[in-house]
Protein backbone atom coordinates (compact mmCIF):
# COMPACT_ATOMS: atom_id res chain seq x y z
CA MET A 1 -34.44 -2.76 0.04
CA THR A 2 -32.71 -3.56 -3.24
CA SER A 3 -29.90 -6.02 -3.72
CA GLN A 4 -27.62 -3.00 -4.26
CA HIS A 5 -27.53 -2.67 -0.48
CA LYS A 6 -26.70 -6.21 0.56
CA VAL A 7 -23.68 -6.96 2.77
CA LEU A 8 -22.67 -10.45 3.85
CA VAL A 9 -20.95 -10.43 7.25
CA THR A 10 -19.17 -13.60 8.36
CA GLY A 11 -18.67 -14.06 12.09
CA ALA A 12 -21.91 -12.13 12.69
CA ALA A 13 -22.44 -13.74 16.12
CA GLY A 14 -18.93 -12.64 17.12
CA PHE A 15 -17.93 -9.51 18.99
CA ILE A 16 -17.08 -7.22 16.06
CA GLY A 17 -19.52 -8.88 13.63
CA PHE A 18 -22.43 -8.25 16.00
CA HIS A 19 -21.65 -4.54 16.36
CA LEU A 20 -20.88 -4.13 12.65
CA SER A 21 -24.16 -5.77 11.58
CA GLN A 22 -26.10 -3.27 13.70
CA LYS A 23 -24.08 -0.37 12.27
CA LEU A 24 -24.60 -1.43 8.65
CA ILE A 25 -28.35 -1.87 9.18
CA LYS A 26 -28.52 1.65 10.65
CA ARG A 27 -26.81 2.84 7.46
CA GLY A 28 -29.60 1.26 5.40
CA PHE A 29 -27.96 -1.98 4.30
CA GLU A 30 -29.52 -5.41 4.31
CA VAL A 31 -27.20 -7.75 6.24
CA ILE A 32 -26.79 -11.48 5.72
CA GLY A 33 -25.00 -12.86 8.80
CA ILE A 34 -23.05 -16.12 8.76
CA ASP A 35 -21.60 -17.83 11.83
CA ASN A 36 -20.88 -21.41 12.86
CA VAL A 37 -21.62 -20.51 16.53
CA ASN A 38 -18.76 -22.67 17.79
CA ASP A 39 -17.91 -23.17 21.46
CA TYR A 40 -14.46 -21.48 21.49
CA TYR A 41 -16.06 -19.34 24.21
CA ASP A 42 -19.47 -19.13 25.94
CA VAL A 43 -22.08 -19.88 23.27
CA ASN A 44 -24.74 -18.09 25.36
CA LEU A 45 -22.99 -14.78 24.68
CA LYS A 46 -23.12 -15.49 20.94
CA ARG A 47 -26.79 -16.41 21.23
CA SER A 48 -27.51 -13.17 23.10
CA ARG A 49 -25.91 -11.16 20.30
CA LEU A 50 -27.83 -13.14 17.67
CA ALA A 51 -31.14 -12.63 19.47
CA ILE A 52 -30.65 -8.85 19.22
CA LEU A 53 -29.69 -9.06 15.53
CA LYS A 54 -32.57 -11.39 14.65
CA SER A 55 -35.01 -8.81 16.02
CA LEU A 56 -33.94 -6.44 13.22
CA PRO A 57 -36.00 -6.81 9.99
CA ALA A 58 -32.99 -6.13 7.73
CA PHE A 59 -30.96 -9.01 9.22
CA THR A 60 -30.95 -12.62 7.99
CA PHE A 61 -28.95 -15.28 9.83
CA ILE A 62 -27.54 -18.46 8.29
CA GLN A 63 -25.57 -20.91 10.43
CA ALA A 64 -22.64 -22.18 8.40
CA ASP A 65 -18.94 -22.92 8.68
CA LEU A 66 -16.51 -21.12 6.36
CA ALA A 67 -14.62 -24.38 5.87
CA ASP A 68 -17.76 -25.96 4.34
CA GLN A 69 -17.27 -25.01 0.70
CA LYS A 70 -20.66 -26.30 -0.50
CA SER A 71 -22.58 -24.28 2.11
CA ILE A 72 -20.62 -21.10 1.39
CA ASN A 73 -21.11 -21.42 -2.39
CA LYS A 74 -24.86 -22.01 -1.89
CA ILE A 75 -25.22 -18.94 0.37
CA PHE A 76 -23.42 -16.70 -2.12
CA SER A 77 -25.34 -17.94 -5.16
CA GLU A 78 -28.69 -17.56 -3.38
CA GLN A 79 -28.07 -14.30 -1.50
CA LYS A 80 -25.92 -12.52 -4.12
CA PRO A 81 -24.24 -10.02 -1.76
CA ASP A 82 -22.74 -6.84 -3.18
CA TYR A 83 -20.19 -6.49 -0.40
CA VAL A 84 -18.59 -9.05 1.90
CA VAL A 85 -16.99 -8.38 5.29
CA ASN A 86 -15.11 -11.48 6.45
CA LEU A 87 -14.67 -11.39 10.24
CA ALA A 88 -15.08 -15.11 10.94
CA ALA A 89 -11.82 -16.67 12.08
CA GLN A 90 -10.24 -18.74 14.78
CA ALA A 91 -9.11 -15.92 17.03
CA GLY A 92 -6.50 -15.57 19.73
CA VAL A 93 -2.71 -15.69 19.82
CA ARG A 94 -2.46 -17.95 22.88
CA TYR A 95 -4.93 -20.58 21.65
CA SER A 96 -2.80 -20.99 18.50
CA LEU A 97 -0.09 -22.53 20.72
CA VAL A 98 -2.59 -25.15 21.93
CA ASN A 99 -4.71 -25.95 18.89
CA PRO A 100 -2.82 -24.89 15.74
CA HIS A 101 -4.92 -26.97 13.33
CA ALA A 102 -8.02 -24.89 14.09
CA TYR A 103 -6.25 -21.88 12.55
CA LEU A 104 -5.47 -23.57 9.26
CA GLU A 105 -9.02 -24.90 8.90
CA SER A 106 -10.81 -21.62 9.62
CA ASN A 107 -8.32 -18.91 8.70
CA LEU A 108 -6.82 -20.43 5.55
CA HIS A 109 -9.22 -23.04 4.17
CA GLY A 110 -12.25 -20.96 5.21
CA PHE A 111 -10.79 -17.76 3.75
CA LEU A 112 -10.05 -19.48 0.44
CA ASN A 113 -13.72 -20.51 0.23
CA ILE A 114 -14.72 -16.85 0.74
CA LEU A 115 -12.28 -15.64 -1.93
CA GLU A 116 -13.56 -18.21 -4.42
CA ALA A 117 -17.20 -17.37 -3.65
CA CYS A 118 -16.49 -13.64 -4.11
CA ARG A 119 -14.70 -14.31 -7.39
CA HIS A 120 -17.57 -16.36 -8.85
CA ASN A 121 -20.43 -14.14 -7.64
CA GLN A 122 -19.44 -10.65 -8.82
CA VAL A 123 -18.85 -9.28 -5.32
CA LYS A 124 -17.93 -5.59 -5.57
CA HIS A 125 -15.57 -5.53 -2.59
CA LEU A 126 -14.21 -7.98 -0.03
CA VAL A 127 -13.18 -6.46 3.31
CA TYR A 128 -11.50 -8.89 5.69
CA ALA A 129 -10.05 -8.94 9.20
CA SER A 130 -6.31 -9.11 9.54
CA SER A 131 -4.59 -8.33 12.84
CA SER A 132 -1.96 -6.11 14.44
CA SER A 133 -0.23 -9.38 15.40
CA VAL A 134 1.18 -9.56 11.83
CA TYR A 135 3.78 -6.96 12.89
CA GLY A 136 5.40 -9.75 14.93
CA ALA A 137 9.09 -9.07 15.51
CA ASN A 138 8.84 -5.48 14.18
CA THR A 139 9.91 -2.92 16.76
CA LYS A 140 9.70 0.30 14.70
CA MET A 141 6.85 2.36 16.18
CA PRO A 142 4.20 3.28 15.30
CA PHE A 143 3.43 0.21 13.21
CA SER A 144 2.82 1.32 9.63
CA VAL A 145 1.04 -0.58 6.85
CA HIS A 146 4.02 0.43 4.70
CA HIS A 147 6.40 -1.64 6.87
CA ASN A 148 7.45 -5.15 5.93
CA VAL A 149 5.68 -7.80 8.05
CA ASP A 150 7.48 -11.03 7.20
CA HIS A 151 8.40 -12.10 10.75
CA PRO A 152 5.26 -13.26 12.61
CA ILE A 153 5.81 -14.81 16.06
CA SER A 154 2.57 -16.84 16.39
CA LEU A 155 0.67 -19.16 14.06
CA TYR A 156 -2.36 -16.88 14.43
CA ALA A 157 -0.28 -13.97 13.08
CA ALA A 158 1.07 -16.15 10.27
CA SER A 159 -2.50 -17.14 9.29
CA LYS A 160 -3.53 -13.46 9.12
CA LYS A 161 -0.47 -12.50 7.05
CA SER A 162 -1.38 -15.41 4.77
CA ASN A 163 -4.87 -13.95 4.33
CA GLU A 164 -3.32 -10.70 3.10
CA LEU A 165 -1.18 -12.63 0.59
CA MET A 166 -4.12 -14.73 -0.60
CA ALA A 167 -6.29 -11.62 -1.03
CA HIS A 168 -3.57 -9.92 -3.08
CA THR A 169 -3.41 -12.92 -5.41
CA TYR A 170 -7.17 -12.71 -6.07
CA SER A 171 -6.97 -8.93 -6.57
CA VAL A 172 -4.27 -9.53 -9.21
CA LEU A 173 -5.68 -12.58 -10.97
CA PHE A 174 -9.40 -11.82 -10.87
CA ASN A 175 -9.51 -8.04 -10.33
CA LEU A 176 -11.35 -8.62 -7.04
CA PRO A 177 -11.09 -5.46 -4.89
CA THR A 178 -9.89 -6.49 -1.42
CA THR A 179 -9.19 -4.50 1.74
CA GLY A 180 -7.42 -6.01 4.76
CA LEU A 181 -7.91 -4.46 8.20
CA ARG A 182 -5.30 -4.86 10.92
CA PHE A 183 -7.26 -4.50 14.16
CA PHE A 184 -5.48 -3.35 17.30
CA THR A 185 -6.74 -4.88 20.62
CA VAL A 186 -10.48 -4.33 20.26
CA TYR A 187 -12.59 -4.02 23.43
CA GLY A 188 -16.09 -2.98 24.46
CA PRO A 189 -19.58 -4.25 25.41
CA TYR A 190 -20.41 -7.82 24.34
CA GLY A 191 -16.64 -8.45 24.04
CA ARG A 192 -14.92 -11.82 24.01
CA PRO A 193 -14.48 -13.57 27.40
CA ASP A 194 -10.93 -14.66 26.47
CA MET A 195 -9.70 -11.05 26.24
CA ALA A 196 -7.97 -9.05 28.99
CA LEU A 197 -10.76 -6.59 29.85
CA PHE A 198 -13.33 -9.38 30.32
CA ILE A 199 -10.93 -11.62 32.27
CA PHE A 200 -9.76 -8.81 34.55
CA THR A 201 -13.26 -7.44 35.25
CA LYS A 202 -14.64 -10.89 36.12
CA ALA A 203 -11.70 -11.76 38.39
CA ILE A 204 -11.68 -8.41 40.23
CA ILE A 205 -15.43 -8.64 40.91
CA GLU A 206 -14.98 -12.20 42.22
CA GLY A 207 -11.94 -11.26 44.33
CA LYS A 208 -9.66 -13.61 42.37
CA PRO A 209 -6.08 -12.79 41.29
CA ILE A 210 -5.29 -11.70 37.74
CA ASP A 211 -2.20 -12.74 35.76
CA VAL A 212 -0.38 -9.58 34.62
CA TYR A 213 2.09 -10.49 31.89
CA ASN A 214 5.43 -8.78 31.28
CA GLN A 215 5.13 -7.34 34.83
CA GLY A 216 2.38 -5.02 33.52
CA LYS A 217 4.77 -3.29 31.11
CA MET A 218 2.90 -4.44 27.99
CA ARG A 219 1.69 -1.50 25.91
CA ARG A 220 -1.40 -1.93 23.77
CA ASP A 221 -3.23 0.31 21.35
CA PHE A 222 -6.63 -0.51 22.91
CA THR A 223 -9.33 0.33 20.34
CA TYR A 224 -13.00 0.76 21.25
CA VAL A 225 -15.40 -1.38 19.24
CA ASP A 226 -17.56 1.56 18.06
CA ASP A 227 -14.46 3.07 16.43
CA ILE A 228 -13.66 -0.25 14.80
CA VAL A 229 -17.12 -0.65 13.26
CA GLU A 230 -17.28 2.99 12.13
CA SER A 231 -14.01 2.38 10.27
CA ILE A 232 -15.23 -0.90 8.71
CA SER A 233 -18.58 0.61 7.77
CA ARG A 234 -16.91 3.49 5.90
CA LEU A 235 -14.35 1.23 4.21
CA THR A 236 -16.96 -1.31 3.02
CA THR A 237 -18.11 1.07 0.26
CA HIS A 238 -14.64 2.61 -0.23
CA ILE A 239 -13.58 0.28 -3.04
CA PRO A 240 -9.81 0.18 -3.65
CA THR A 241 -8.31 0.90 -7.03
CA PRO A 242 -4.81 0.12 -8.31
CA ASN A 243 -2.09 2.48 -7.09
CA PRO A 244 -0.72 4.16 -10.26
CA GLU A 245 2.54 4.99 -8.45
CA TRP A 246 3.20 1.42 -7.29
CA ASN A 247 6.77 0.44 -8.08
CA GLY A 248 7.90 -3.18 -8.27
CA MET A 249 11.49 -2.15 -7.62
CA GLN A 250 10.43 -0.62 -4.27
CA PRO A 251 7.14 -2.36 -3.52
CA ASP A 252 4.71 -0.74 -1.08
CA PRO A 253 3.21 -3.52 1.11
CA ALA A 254 -0.01 -1.51 1.78
CA THR A 255 -1.02 -0.98 -1.86
CA SER A 256 -0.58 -2.65 -5.24
CA PHE A 257 -0.84 -2.40 -9.00
CA ALA A 258 -4.05 -4.39 -8.31
CA PRO A 259 -7.20 -3.18 -6.43
CA TYR A 260 -5.78 -4.02 -3.01
CA ARG A 261 -5.34 -2.08 0.24
CA ILE A 262 -4.27 -2.68 3.85
CA TYR A 263 -5.26 -0.38 6.74
CA ASN A 264 -4.47 -0.24 10.44
CA ILE A 265 -7.51 0.28 12.67
CA GLY A 266 -6.11 1.38 16.02
CA ASN A 267 -6.51 4.10 18.62
CA ASN A 268 -3.08 5.61 17.80
CA ARG A 269 -2.45 5.95 21.54
CA PRO A 270 -0.75 3.01 23.33
CA THR A 271 -1.66 2.40 26.98
CA GLU A 272 0.44 0.54 29.52
CA LEU A 273 -1.32 -2.55 30.84
CA MET A 274 -0.89 -1.41 34.46
CA TYR A 275 -2.81 1.82 33.75
CA PHE A 276 -5.49 -0.18 31.90
CA ILE A 277 -5.95 -2.23 35.10
CA GLU A 278 -6.06 0.95 37.22
CA VAL A 279 -8.95 2.29 35.13
CA ILE A 280 -10.86 -1.00 35.60
CA GLU A 281 -10.24 -0.75 39.37
CA GLN A 282 -11.53 2.84 39.41
CA LYS A 283 -14.68 1.96 37.45
CA LEU A 284 -15.39 -1.07 39.67
CA GLY A 285 -14.40 0.66 42.91
CA LYS A 286 -12.37 -2.44 43.78
CA LYS A 287 -8.66 -3.29 43.75
CA ALA A 288 -7.15 -6.13 41.71
CA ILE A 289 -4.99 -8.87 43.22
CA LYS A 290 -2.10 -8.88 40.74
CA ASN A 291 0.00 -11.92 39.91
CA LEU A 292 2.99 -10.46 38.00
CA MET A 293 4.21 -12.80 35.24
CA PRO A 294 6.86 -12.85 32.46
CA ILE A 295 5.80 -12.17 28.87
CA GLN A 296 4.02 -15.09 27.16
CA ASP A 297 5.20 -16.91 24.04
CA GLY A 298 3.71 -15.35 20.92
CA ASP A 299 2.99 -11.99 22.58
CA VAL A 300 4.60 -8.74 21.45
CA PRO A 301 5.58 -6.22 24.16
CA ALA A 302 3.92 -3.23 22.46
CA THR A 303 1.49 -2.26 19.67
CA PHE A 304 0.96 1.23 18.27
CA ALA A 305 -1.01 1.95 15.08
CA ASP A 306 -0.15 4.51 12.45
CA VAL A 307 -3.62 5.37 11.07
CA ASP A 308 -2.71 8.10 8.57
CA ASP A 309 -3.83 5.99 5.60
CA LEU A 310 -7.21 5.29 7.23
CA MET A 311 -7.70 9.00 7.92
CA ARG A 312 -6.86 9.90 4.32
CA ALA A 313 -9.16 7.22 2.90
CA VAL A 314 -12.35 7.74 4.94
CA ASP A 315 -11.77 10.87 7.04
CA PHE A 316 -12.01 9.01 10.34
CA LYS A 317 -9.70 7.68 13.00
CA PRO A 318 -10.45 5.89 16.29
CA SER A 319 -10.34 8.26 19.27
CA THR A 320 -12.48 6.91 22.14
CA PRO A 321 -10.47 7.32 25.39
CA ILE A 322 -10.02 4.07 27.33
CA GLU A 323 -11.62 5.68 30.41
CA VAL A 324 -14.86 6.05 28.41
CA GLY A 325 -14.63 2.67 26.68
CA ILE A 326 -13.86 0.72 29.85
CA GLY A 327 -16.68 2.51 31.67
CA ASN A 328 -19.12 1.48 28.93
CA PHE A 329 -17.90 -2.12 29.08
CA ILE A 330 -18.29 -2.33 32.87
CA ASP A 331 -21.79 -0.81 32.72
CA TRP A 332 -22.71 -3.49 30.15
CA TYR A 333 -21.03 -6.29 32.14
CA LYS A 334 -22.91 -5.46 35.35
CA GLU A 335 -26.23 -5.26 33.52
CA TYR A 336 -25.69 -8.40 31.40
CA TYR A 337 -24.57 -10.54 34.35
CA GLN A 338 -26.94 -8.79 36.79
CA ILE A 339 -24.18 -7.75 39.19
CA SER A 340 -24.52 -4.96 41.72
CA LEU A 341 -21.41 -3.69 43.45
């Protein structure tokens, strides 16, 4: 394997990073995985993912924190990656109401260290995770990357919007090609325990009530993890170029006069939360005890991705039906936690 095929994936022990690392290795890349393996959620789940990745000859793991500038610089200078996919971040809208400082440390300070390392080590392309939460107070559906997103309603969303701004600056000043990906409610096997599908499945199995926010009227563009990683994998080698039609008088937020792009990665098919719960009930063969609640601070009532730009760029759009995706998750959950119903 030559260095022409080396991808550095941050957050490799995380949900998306784990699946992406496997996908890239199948495509013939060598993957350098970085993760600080923090305890934001069950570390055993992260260790399980890492154990699978470490069994693959083309995978190298380095434990490091993005906020540690010396460590990040050392990894880049020694490993010399061609491509970087930055997925490491402090995740979660609700946690940003409780521990806001964690978001600045990881999502801003950490991201700056990645940008600087890419700039000084001739990285061909930086792909990084943004979030559908950047749409904030927007209500025009479907959410388009060509819409203005200057009204975030959580610090998490503000940190992700900031990443997009920081990346644009580096694309302009240092000609670093950057691509930001706005993920829409990702779910699937080995998912995060703080997300709805995991919480609901666990509670229903244990016969405990579930909190259903906005009386179950939330609509989410639930996107299956395999569709997410297929999109990232294709975009990693799809290096952006300046948009020759970009007009400063009518600026397009998704492109630039610099090598910069933003894409939505979503299923393009919003599902009402109550139906999402019904599918879980069907797959488990067990009814949920529902505790209907008002909408939470920082949450948006609906998300819906316009993925036309993604389709044009890499000839792919997410399409896994939630009935299939939830079924796959529940099969994994029962096997991983050795549960028989």
